[in-house]
Amino acid sequence: MSNQLLKVENLNIVFKGAHEDHHAVRDVSFQVGREKVAIVGESGSGKSQTCRALLKLTPKIAQVSATKMQFGDIDLLNSSERKMRTVRGNRISMILQDPRFSLNPLMRIGDQVAEAWRIHSRVSRKEAQTRTREMLASVHIREVEKVAQLYPHEISGGMGQRVMIAMMLIPEPDLIIADEPTSALDVTVRQQVLHILDEQLSRRQTGLLFITHDLNLVSRFCDRVLVMYAGRIVEEIRADRLEHAQHPYTQALLASQPRLHHPVELLRVPRRDPAWLHGPRFRDGVAL
């Protein structure tokens, strides 16, 4: 893979319980370059826990282990908290699901975006304000001066996500983790936000880890897809070949998606097989 940013080998996350342990992530291995990589699967499949482990945001009750978690020249697995503070938001940024819960309700929009840059760069307040206005304009926000003076509750969900994109990209990170960034938006606004995100990623040559349930979306938006089931990556495939997936779980997810050209009264519910927990994985149609 050219321009490799991230390499993860045999990542495991175990939550210790009073009566039994819960293995949330099982032997997960993948790589990310300057590309758009989707992680898909049902709720509870381990998508968010995998990505949060990269930033050491896993709850303290969990045990995280891996053969390797390498981001450029940084060993994420063994980095100190002090080192991770230079990585989070600066080298790796995270766009969360709902800006209503991600933005500080007591700070104006412009101040929050400027703060995201000043934390990692020694610049004057005036320079940060100028850069903030430029960044807000680059994500297609009109009336930048007016929006910069607003509070989060005064803007729409779509504009909130544009603000989040601006905030996460202003430090110019190498990798963005987007956790269901458009699930709370209607279809039209969703497409606008994705177009803006794609535009910014292409302009800056930034890598993307895109967590979602929407297989129809990732087949059009992403380059590769990682399919997770019960904490395992069961299939890795090019996004434009998703319809040709070989693992029965991926096929079941595809069959459960609504289709405008093939309407049905009831969507199919995926049937799970316990053998998938230990069965073969697929990569580009080949069983491993």
C-alpha atoms as a PDB file:
ATOM      1  CA  MET A   1       0.000   0.000   0.000  1.00  0.00           C
ATOM      2  CA  SER A   2       1.447   3.386  -1.016  1.00  0.00           C
ATOM      3  CA  ASN A   3       1.661   6.219   1.522  1.00  0.00           C
ATOM      4  CA  GLN A   4       0.801   3.919   4.415  1.00  0.00           C
ATOM      5  CA  LEU A   5      -0.268   5.900   7.472  1.00  0.00           C
ATOM      6  CA  LEU A   6      -1.483   3.294   9.929  1.00  0.00           C
ATOM      7  CA  LYS A   7      -0.769  -0.387  10.512  1.00  0.00           C
ATOM      8  CA  VAL A   8      -2.630  -2.460  13.092  1.00  0.00           C
ATOM      9  CA  GLU A   9      -1.846  -6.108  13.802  1.00  0.00           C
ATOM     10  CA  ASN A  10      -3.780  -8.466  16.090  1.00  0.00           C
ATOM     11  CA  LEU A  11      -5.655  -5.840  18.090  1.00  0.00           C
ATOM     12  CA  ASN A  12      -7.678  -7.276  20.972  1.00  0.00           C
ATOM     13  CA  ILE A  13      -9.931  -5.451  23.436  1.00  0.00           C
ATOM     14  CA  VAL A  14     -11.366  -7.325  26.414  1.00  0.00           C
ATOM     15  CA  PHE A  15     -13.792  -5.849  28.946  1.00  0.00           C
ATOM     16  CA  LYS A  16     -13.475  -7.561  32.304  1.00  0.00           C
ATOM     17  CA  GLY A  17     -16.788  -8.471  33.947  1.00  0.00           C
ATOM     18  CA  ALA A  18     -17.778  -9.765  37.358  1.00  0.00           C
ATOM     19  CA  HIS A  19     -18.944 -13.097  35.952  1.00  0.00           C
ATOM     20  CA  GLU A  20     -17.394 -13.270  32.486  1.00  0.00           C
ATOM     21  CA  ASP A  21     -15.205 -11.275  30.129  1.00  0.00           C
ATOM     22  CA  HIS A  22     -16.473  -9.674  26.940  1.00  0.00           C
ATOM     23  CA  HIS A  23     -14.115  -9.920  23.976  1.00  0.00           C
ATOM     24  CA  ALA A  24     -15.169  -6.747  22.100  1.00  0.00           C
ATOM     25  CA  VAL A  25     -12.412  -6.802  19.444  1.00  0.00           C
ATOM     26  CA  ARG A  26     -10.724 -10.017  18.299  1.00  0.00           C
ATOM     27  CA  ASP A  27      -7.387 -10.212  16.434  1.00  0.00           C
ATOM     28  CA  VAL A  28      -8.142  -7.233  14.185  1.00  0.00           C
ATOM     29  CA  SER A  29      -5.493  -6.377  11.590  1.00  0.00           C
ATOM     30  CA  PHE A  30      -5.656  -3.718   8.869  1.00  0.00           C
ATOM     31  CA  GLN A  31      -3.747  -0.911   7.191  1.00  0.00           C
ATOM     32  CA  VAL A  32      -4.777   2.577   6.111  1.00  0.00           C
ATOM     33  CA  GLY A  33      -3.055   4.805   3.581  1.00  0.00           C
ATOM     34  CA  ARG A  34      -4.069   8.153   2.130  1.00  0.00           C
ATOM     35  CA  GLU A  35      -7.434   6.714   1.128  1.00  0.00           C
ATOM     36  CA  LYS A  36     -11.009   6.332   2.406  1.00  0.00           C
ATOM     37  CA  VAL A  37     -11.509   3.089   4.336  1.00  0.00           C
ATOM     38  CA  ALA A  38     -14.942   2.168   5.699  1.00  0.00           C
ATOM     39  CA  ILE A  39     -15.584  -0.029   8.734  1.00  0.00           C
ATOM     40  CA  VAL A  40     -19.088  -1.485   8.574  1.00  0.00           C
ATOM     41  CA  GLY A  41     -21.124  -3.893  10.675  1.00  0.00           C
ATOM     42  CA  GLU A  42     -24.029  -4.018  13.079  1.00  0.00           C
ATOM     43  CA  SER A  43     -24.114  -2.128  16.364  1.00  0.00           C
ATOM     44  CA  GLY A  44     -21.826  -3.848  18.860  1.00  0.00           C
ATOM     45  CA  SER A  45     -19.553  -5.361  16.215  1.00  0.00           C
ATOM     46  CA  GLY A  46     -16.516  -3.463  17.520  1.00  0.00           C
ATOM     47  CA  LYS A  47     -16.202  -0.659  14.958  1.00  0.00           C
ATOM     48  CA  SER A  48     -16.024   2.293  17.341  1.00  0.00           C
ATOM     49  CA  GLN A  49     -13.980   0.427  19.954  1.00  0.00           C
ATOM     50  CA  THR A  50     -11.375  -0.395  17.307  1.00  0.00           C
ATOM     51  CA  CYS A  51     -11.002   3.257  16.328  1.00  0.00           C
ATOM     52  CA  ARG A  52     -11.081   4.597  19.884  1.00  0.00           C
ATOM     53  CA  ALA A  53      -8.242   2.224  20.785  1.00  0.00           C
ATOM     54  CA  LEU A  54      -6.073   3.969  18.185  1.00  0.00           C
ATOM     55  CA  LEU A  55      -6.372   7.188  20.205  1.00  0.00           C
ATOM     56  CA  LYS A  56      -6.179   5.433  23.580  1.00  0.00           C
ATOM     57  CA  LEU A  57      -9.730   6.450  24.410  1.00  0.00           C
ATOM     58  CA  THR A  58     -10.762   2.974  25.536  1.00  0.00           C
ATOM     59  CA  PRO A  59     -12.295   2.838  29.057  1.00  0.00           C
ATOM     60  CA  LYS A  60      -9.808   1.914  31.762  1.00  0.00           C
ATOM     61  CA  ILE A  61     -11.730  -1.263  32.615  1.00  0.00           C
ATOM     62  CA  ALA A  62     -10.775  -2.692  29.209  1.00  0.00           C
ATOM     63  CA  GLN A  63      -7.565  -4.536  28.407  1.00  0.00           C
ATOM     64  CA  VAL A  64      -6.033  -3.540  25.057  1.00  0.00           C
ATOM     65  CA  SER A  65      -3.313  -5.618  23.433  1.00  0.00           C
ATOM     66  CA  ALA A  66      -1.816  -5.810  19.952  1.00  0.00           C
ATOM     67  CA  THR A  67       1.231  -7.010  18.100  1.00  0.00           C
ATOM     68  CA  LYS A  68       1.495  -3.585  16.482  1.00  0.00           C
ATOM     69  CA  MET A  69      -0.338  -0.249  16.357  1.00  0.00           C
ATOM     70  CA  GLN A  70       1.969   1.923  14.289  1.00  0.00           C
ATOM     71  CA  PHE A  71       1.056   5.379  13.009  1.00  0.00           C
ATOM     72  CA  GLY A  72       3.907   6.712  10.911  1.00  0.00           C
ATOM     73  CA  ASP A  73       6.885   6.777  13.275  1.00  0.00           C
ATOM     74  CA  ILE A  74       4.686   6.630  16.392  1.00  0.00           C
ATOM     75  CA  ASP A  75       4.079   3.435  18.380  1.00  0.00           C
ATOM     76  CA  LEU A  76       0.492   4.121  19.500  1.00  0.00           C
ATOM     77  CA  LEU A  77       0.348   1.041  21.698  1.00  0.00           C
ATOM     78  CA  ASN A  78       3.227   2.091  23.941  1.00  0.00           C
ATOM     79  CA  SER A  79       2.953   5.885  23.720  1.00  0.00           C
ATOM     80  CA  SER A  80       2.535   7.837  26.941  1.00  0.00           C
ATOM     81  CA  GLU A  81      -0.499  10.019  27.611  1.00  0.00           C
ATOM     82  CA  ARG A  82       1.693  13.065  27.076  1.00  0.00           C
ATOM     83  CA  LYS A  83       2.692  11.789  23.641  1.00  0.00           C
ATOM     84  CA  MET A  84      -0.919  10.947  22.766  1.00  0.00           C
ATOM     85  CA  ARG A  85      -1.948  14.545  23.461  1.00  0.00           C
ATOM     86  CA  THR A  86       0.306  15.566  20.574  1.00  0.00           C
ATOM     87  CA  VAL A  87      -1.383  12.954  18.346  1.00  0.00           C
ATOM     88  CA  ARG A  88      -5.067  13.477  19.161  1.00  0.00           C
ATOM     89  CA  GLY A  89      -6.549  16.296  17.142  1.00  0.00           C
ATOM     90  CA  ASN A  90      -3.179  17.134  15.614  1.00  0.00           C
ATOM     91  CA  ARG A  91      -2.063  14.037  13.679  1.00  0.00           C
ATOM     92  CA  ILE A  92      -5.320  12.052  14.060  1.00  0.00           C
ATOM     93  CA  SER A  93      -8.661  13.850  14.346  1.00  0.00           C
ATOM     94  CA  MET A  94     -12.095  12.400  15.070  1.00  0.00           C
ATOM     95  CA  ILE A  95     -15.463  13.575  13.751  1.00  0.00           C
ATOM     96  CA  LEU A  96     -18.249  12.309  16.004  1.00  0.00           C
ATOM     97  CA  GLN A  97     -21.839  11.430  15.234  1.00  0.00           C
ATOM     98  CA  ASP A  98     -23.832  14.412  16.445  1.00  0.00           C
ATOM     99  CA  PRO A  99     -22.410  17.958  16.681  1.00  0.00           C
ATOM    100  CA  ARG A 100     -24.999  18.806  19.354  1.00  0.00           C
ATOM    101  CA  PHE A 101     -23.030  16.630  21.775  1.00  0.00           C
ATOM    102  CA  SER A 102     -19.552  17.307  20.355  1.00  0.00           C
ATOM    103  CA  LEU A 103     -19.498  21.109  20.321  1.00  0.00           C
ATOM    104  CA  ASN A 104     -19.184  23.115  23.521  1.00  0.00           C
ATOM    105  CA  PRO A 105     -22.594  24.774  24.072  1.00  0.00           C
ATOM    106  CA  LEU A 106     -20.998  27.666  25.983  1.00  0.00           C
ATOM    107  CA  MET A 107     -18.509  28.713  23.281  1.00  0.00           C
ATOM    108  CA  ARG A 108     -19.100  30.550  20.021  1.00  0.00           C
ATOM    109  CA  ILE A 109     -18.425  28.597  16.825  1.00  0.00           C
ATOM    110  CA  GLY A 110     -15.461  30.746  15.766  1.00  0.00           C
ATOM    111  CA  ASP A 111     -13.771  30.433  19.151  1.00  0.00           C
ATOM    112  CA  GLN A 112     -14.102  26.640  19.131  1.00  0.00           C
ATOM    113  CA  VAL A 113     -12.578  26.224  15.677  1.00  0.00           C
ATOM    114  CA  ALA A 114      -9.775  28.660  16.524  1.00  0.00           C
ATOM    115  CA  GLU A 115      -9.058  26.792  19.764  1.00  0.00           C
ATOM    116  CA  ALA A 116      -8.603  23.529  17.828  1.00  0.00           C
ATOM    117  CA  TRP A 117      -5.726  25.174  15.972  1.00  0.00           C
ATOM    118  CA  ARG A 118      -4.179  27.192  18.809  1.00  0.00           C
ATOM    119  CA  ILE A 119      -3.911  24.091  21.015  1.00  0.00           C
ATOM    120  CA  HIS A 120      -1.454  22.564  18.550  1.00  0.00           C
ATOM    121  CA  SER A 121       0.127  25.687  16.995  1.00  0.00           C
ATOM    122  CA  ARG A 122       1.811  28.677  18.583  1.00  0.00           C
ATOM    123  CA  VAL A 123      -0.043  31.444  16.775  1.00  0.00           C
ATOM    124  CA  SER A 124      -1.607  34.734  17.795  1.00  0.00           C
ATOM    125  CA  ARG A 125      -5.322  35.098  18.442  1.00  0.00           C
ATOM    126  CA  LYS A 126      -5.654  37.328  15.365  1.00  0.00           C
ATOM    127  CA  GLU A 127      -3.925  34.772  13.130  1.00  0.00           C
ATOM    128  CA  ALA A 128      -6.139  32.010  14.533  1.00  0.00           C
ATOM    129  CA  GLN A 129      -9.267  34.052  13.819  1.00  0.00           C
ATOM    130  CA  THR A 130      -8.168  34.664  10.223  1.00  0.00           C
ATOM    131  CA  ARG A 131      -7.401  30.983   9.720  1.00  0.00           C
ATOM    132  CA  THR A 132     -10.759  30.032  11.266  1.00  0.00           C
ATOM    133  CA  ARG A 133     -12.681  32.241   8.832  1.00  0.00           C
ATOM    134  CA  GLU A 134     -10.780  30.707   5.914  1.00  0.00           C
ATOM    135  CA  MET A 135     -11.517  27.202   7.170  1.00  0.00           C
ATOM    136  CA  LEU A 136     -15.231  27.868   7.673  1.00  0.00           C
ATOM    137  CA  ALA A 137     -15.432  29.286   4.145  1.00  0.00           C
ATOM    138  CA  SER A 138     -13.643  26.221   2.744  1.00  0.00           C
ATOM    139  CA  VAL A 139     -16.440  23.950   4.046  1.00  0.00           C
ATOM    140  CA  HIS A 140     -18.998  26.062   2.140  1.00  0.00           C
ATOM    141  CA  ILE A 141     -20.394  28.025   5.074  1.00  0.00           C
ATOM    142  CA  ARG A 142     -21.928  31.286   3.937  1.00  0.00           C
ATOM    143  CA  GLU A 143     -21.875  34.433   6.052  1.00  0.00           C
ATOM    144  CA  VAL A 144     -18.783  33.246   7.856  1.00  0.00           C
ATOM    145  CA  GLU A 145     -18.559  36.256  10.170  1.00  0.00           C
ATOM    146  CA  LYS A 146     -22.140  35.745  11.319  1.00  0.00           C
ATOM    147  CA  VAL A 147     -21.787  31.984  11.844  1.00  0.00           C
ATOM    148  CA  ALA A 148     -18.535  32.429  13.777  1.00  0.00           C
ATOM    149  CA  GLN A 149     -20.431  34.482  16.366  1.00  0.00           C
ATOM    150  CA  LEU A 150     -23.215  31.917  16.847  1.00  0.00           C
ATOM    151  CA  TYR A 151     -23.516  29.256  19.544  1.00  0.00           C
ATOM    152  CA  PRO A 152     -24.002  25.562  18.628  1.00  0.00           C
ATOM    153  CA  HIS A 153     -27.738  25.586  19.446  1.00  0.00           C
ATOM    154  CA  GLU A 154     -28.237  28.356  16.874  1.00  0.00           C
ATOM    155  CA  ILE A 155     -27.091  26.327  13.865  1.00  0.00           C
ATOM    156  CA  SER A 156     -28.616  23.355  11.999  1.00  0.00           C
ATOM    157  CA  GLY A 157     -27.348  19.778  12.148  1.00  0.00           C
ATOM    158  CA  GLY A 158     -25.857  19.994   8.657  1.00  0.00           C
ATOM    159  CA  MET A 159     -24.016  23.222   9.458  1.00  0.00           C
ATOM    160  CA  GLY A 160     -22.882  21.691  12.746  1.00  0.00           C
ATOM    161  CA  GLN A 161     -21.223  18.853  10.873  1.00  0.00           C
ATOM    162  CA  ARG A 162     -19.537  21.344   8.538  1.00  0.00           C
ATOM    163  CA  VAL A 163     -18.203  23.127  11.607  1.00  0.00           C
ATOM    164  CA  MET A 164     -16.944  19.795  12.996  1.00  0.00           C
ATOM    165  CA  ILE A 165     -15.179  19.050   9.706  1.00  0.00           C
ATOM    166  CA  ALA A 166     -13.564  22.494   9.791  1.00  0.00           C
ATOM    167  CA  MET A 167     -12.515  22.018  13.414  1.00  0.00           C
ATOM    168  CA  MET A 168     -10.982  18.592  12.823  1.00  0.00           C
ATOM    169  CA  LEU A 169      -9.176  19.602   9.622  1.00  0.00           C
ATOM    170  CA  ILE A 170      -7.777  22.965  10.718  1.00  0.00           C
ATOM    171  CA  PRO A 171      -4.703  21.330  12.379  1.00  0.00           C
ATOM    172  CA  GLU A 172      -4.140  19.512   9.025  1.00  0.00           C
ATOM    173  CA  PRO A 173      -4.043  15.940  10.406  1.00  0.00           C
ATOM    174  CA  ASP A 174      -2.824  12.955   8.424  1.00  0.00           C
ATOM    175  CA  LEU A 175      -5.805  10.771   9.390  1.00  0.00           C
ATOM    176  CA  ILE A 176      -9.472  11.485  10.128  1.00  0.00           C
ATOM    177  CA  ILE A 177     -11.697   9.034  12.023  1.00  0.00           C
ATOM    178  CA  ALA A 178     -15.365   9.728  11.234  1.00  0.00           C
ATOM    179  CA  ASP A 179     -17.816   7.857  13.491  1.00  0.00           C
ATOM    180  CA  GLU A 180     -21.270   7.863  11.837  1.00  0.00           C
ATOM    181  CA  PRO A 181     -20.839  11.547  10.891  1.00  0.00           C
ATOM    182  CA  THR A 182     -23.987  11.791   8.760  1.00  0.00           C
ATOM    183  CA  SER A 183     -26.455   9.424  10.447  1.00  0.00           C
ATOM    184  CA  ALA A 184     -28.434  12.286  12.067  1.00  0.00           C
ATOM    185  CA  LEU A 185     -28.829  14.180   8.761  1.00  0.00           C
ATOM    186  CA  ASP A 186     -31.457  13.918   6.047  1.00  0.00           C
ATOM    187  CA  VAL A 187     -30.449  12.510   2.667  1.00  0.00           C
ATOM    188  CA  THR A 188     -29.914  15.826   0.873  1.00  0.00           C
ATOM    189  CA  VAL A 189     -27.810  17.388   3.633  1.00  0.00           C
ATOM    190  CA  ARG A 190     -25.908  14.104   4.026  1.00  0.00           C
ATOM    191  CA  GLN A 191     -24.767  14.229   0.410  1.00  0.00           C
ATOM    192  CA  GLN A 192     -23.687  17.847   0.775  1.00  0.00           C
ATOM    193  CA  VAL A 193     -21.638  17.083   3.889  1.00  0.00           C
ATOM    194  CA  LEU A 194     -20.016  14.028   2.277  1.00  0.00           C
ATOM    195  CA  HIS A 195     -19.136  16.073  -0.806  1.00  0.00           C
ATOM    196  CA  ILE A 196     -17.464  18.698   1.385  1.00  0.00           C
ATOM    197  CA  LEU A 197     -15.589  16.040   3.372  1.00  0.00           C
ATOM    198  CA  ASP A 198     -14.407  14.323   0.183  1.00  0.00           C
ATOM    199  CA  GLU A 199     -13.296  17.657  -1.253  1.00  0.00           C
ATOM    200  CA  GLN A 200     -11.258  18.474   1.854  1.00  0.00           C
ATOM    201  CA  LEU A 201      -9.680  15.008   2.068  1.00  0.00           C
ATOM    202  CA  SER A 202      -8.623  15.101  -1.595  1.00  0.00           C
ATOM    203  CA  ARG A 203      -7.206  18.604  -1.285  1.00  0.00           C
ATOM    204  CA  ARG A 204      -5.105  17.708   1.764  1.00  0.00           C
ATOM    205  CA  GLN A 205      -4.292  14.069   0.881  1.00  0.00           C
ATOM    206  CA  THR A 206      -5.676  12.972   4.246  1.00  0.00           C
ATOM    207  CA  GLY A 207      -6.592   9.384   5.098  1.00  0.00           C
ATOM    208  CA  LEU A 208     -10.069   8.503   6.377  1.00  0.00           C
ATOM    209  CA  LEU A 209     -11.482   5.761   8.604  1.00  0.00           C
ATOM    210  CA  PHE A 210     -15.251   5.947   8.094  1.00  0.00           C
ATOM    211  CA  ILE A 211     -17.471   4.088  10.589  1.00  0.00           C
ATOM    212  CA  THR A 212     -21.006   3.484   9.322  1.00  0.00           C
ATOM    213  CA  HIS A 213     -23.919   1.064   8.951  1.00  0.00           C
ATOM    214  CA  ASP A 214     -24.759   2.276   5.436  1.00  0.00           C
ATOM    215  CA  LEU A 215     -23.335  -0.125   2.844  1.00  0.00           C
ATOM    216  CA  ASN A 216     -24.995   1.750  -0.004  1.00  0.00           C
ATOM    217  CA  LEU A 217     -23.128   4.891   1.016  1.00  0.00           C
ATOM    218  CA  VAL A 218     -19.673   3.340   1.367  1.00  0.00           C
ATOM    219  CA  SER A 219     -19.869   1.585  -1.995  1.00  0.00           C
ATOM    220  CA  ARG A 220     -20.019   5.037  -3.603  1.00  0.00           C
ATOM    221  CA  PHE A 221     -17.898   7.081  -1.186  1.00  0.00           C
ATOM    222  CA  CYS A 222     -15.012   4.874   0.010  1.00  0.00           C
ATOM    223  CA  ASP A 223     -12.093   3.015  -1.553  1.00  0.00           C
ATOM    224  CA  ARG A 224     -12.022  -0.090   0.646  1.00  0.00           C
ATOM    225  CA  VAL A 225     -14.410  -1.720   3.124  1.00  0.00           C
ATOM    226  CA  LEU A 226     -13.666  -3.657   6.315  1.00  0.00           C
ATOM    227  CA  VAL A 227     -16.643  -5.739   7.476  1.00  0.00           C
ATOM    228  CA  MET A 228     -16.772  -6.514  11.209  1.00  0.00           C
ATOM    229  CA  TYR A 229     -18.792  -9.220  12.923  1.00  0.00           C
ATOM    230  CA  ALA A 230     -18.633  -9.857  16.698  1.00  0.00           C
ATOM    231  CA  GLY A 231     -15.307  -8.060  17.023  1.00  0.00           C
ATOM    232  CA  ARG A 232     -13.651  -9.709  13.988  1.00  0.00           C
ATOM    233  CA  ILE A 233     -12.899  -8.375  10.532  1.00  0.00           C
ATOM    234  CA  VAL A 234     -14.519 -11.096   8.452  1.00  0.00           C
ATOM    235  CA  GLU A 235     -14.028  -9.483   5.049  1.00  0.00           C
ATOM    236  CA  GLU A 236     -11.900  -6.832   3.369  1.00  0.00           C
ATOM    237  CA  ILE A 237     -12.893  -5.784  -0.125  1.00  0.00           C
ATOM    238  CA  ARG A 238     -12.684  -2.912  -2.567  1.00  0.00           C
ATOM    239  CA  ALA A 239     -15.728  -0.681  -2.203  1.00  0.00           C
ATOM    240  CA  ASP A 240     -16.574  -0.857  -5.909  1.00  0.00           C
ATOM    241  CA  ARG A 241     -16.698  -4.670  -5.623  1.00  0.00           C
ATOM    242  CA  LEU A 242     -18.843  -4.784  -2.482  1.00  0.00           C
ATOM    243  CA  GLU A 243     -21.718  -6.412  -4.369  1.00  0.00           C
ATOM    244  CA  HIS A 244     -19.376  -9.357  -5.058  1.00  0.00           C
ATOM    245  CA  ALA A 245     -18.523  -9.982  -1.396  1.00  0.00           C
ATOM    246  CA  GLN A 246     -17.956 -13.650  -0.493  1.00  0.00           C
ATOM    247  CA  HIS A 247     -18.484 -13.869   3.264  1.00  0.00           C
ATOM    248  CA  PRO A 248     -22.057 -14.917   4.143  1.00  0.00           C
ATOM    249  CA  TYR A 249     -22.302 -12.156   6.768  1.00  0.00           C
ATOM    250  CA  THR A 250     -21.444  -9.436   4.242  1.00  0.00           C
ATOM    251  CA  GLN A 251     -23.920 -10.977   1.812  1.00  0.00           C
ATOM    252  CA  ALA A 252     -26.575 -10.941   4.546  1.00  0.00           C
ATOM    253  CA  LEU A 253     -25.930  -7.265   5.276  1.00  0.00           C
ATOM    254  CA  LEU A 254     -26.227  -6.428   1.592  1.00  0.00           C
ATOM    255  CA  ALA A 255     -29.478  -8.390   1.314  1.00  0.00           C
ATOM    256  CA  SER A 256     -30.952  -6.445   4.247  1.00  0.00           C
ATOM    257  CA  GLN A 257     -30.413  -3.060   2.537  1.00  0.00           C
ATOM    258  CA  PRO A 258     -33.480  -1.377   0.976  1.00  0.00           C
ATOM    259  CA  ARG A 259     -33.391  -1.036  -2.811  1.00  0.00           C
ATOM    260  CA  LEU A 260     -35.466   1.500  -4.731  1.00  0.00           C
ATOM    261  CA  HIS A 261     -35.352  -0.576  -7.913  1.00  0.00           C
ATOM    262  CA  HIS A 262     -36.372  -3.768  -6.089  1.00  0.00           C
ATOM    263  CA  PRO A 263     -38.929  -2.920  -3.370  1.00  0.00           C
ATOM    264  CA  VAL A 264     -40.008  -5.652  -0.944  1.00  0.00           C
ATOM    265  CA  GLU A 265     -42.628  -5.755   1.807  1.00  0.00           C
ATOM    266  CA  LEU A 266     -40.170  -7.022   4.438  1.00  0.00           C
ATOM    267  CA  LEU A 267     -36.395  -6.592   4.505  1.00  0.00           C
ATOM    268  CA  ARG A 268     -34.349  -9.719   5.147  1.00  0.00           C
ATOM    269  CA  VAL A 269     -32.905 -10.111   8.642  1.00  0.00           C
ATOM    270  CA  PRO A 270     -29.324 -11.463   8.706  1.00  0.00           C
ATOM    271  CA  ARG A 271     -29.060 -14.959  10.140  1.00  0.00           C
ATOM    272  CA  ARG A 272     -25.916 -15.455  12.173  1.00  0.00           C
ATOM    273  CA  ASP A 273     -23.756 -18.555  12.283  1.00  0.00           C
ATOM    274  CA  PRO A 274     -21.587 -19.260  15.387  1.00  0.00           C
ATOM    275  CA  ALA A 275     -18.948 -20.620  13.010  1.00  0.00           C
ATOM    276  CA  TRP A 276     -18.255 -17.059  11.803  1.00  0.00           C
ATOM    277  CA  LEU A 277     -16.459 -16.379  15.098  1.00  0.00           C
ATOM    278  CA  HIS A 278     -13.641 -18.701  14.072  1.00  0.00           C
ATOM    279  CA  GLY A 279     -14.231 -19.299  10.357  1.00  0.00           C
ATOM    280  CA  PRO A 280     -12.196 -18.009   7.408  1.00  0.00           C
ATOM    281  CA  ARG A 281     -11.860 -14.332   6.581  1.00  0.00           C
ATOM    282  CA  PHE A 282     -12.032 -13.028   3.047  1.00  0.00           C
ATOM    283  CA  ARG A 283      -9.818 -10.497   1.322  1.00  0.00           C
ATOM    284  CA  ASP A 284     -10.783  -9.404  -2.187  1.00  0.00           C
ATOM    285  CA  GLY A 285     -12.791 -12.591  -2.657  1.00  0.00           C
ATOM    286  CA  VAL A 286     -10.077 -14.987  -1.396  1.00  0.00           C
ATOM    287  CA  ALA A 287     -10.513 -16.986   1.827  1.00  0.00           C
ATOM    288  CA  LEU A 288      -7.635 -16.590   4.296  1.00  0.00           C
END
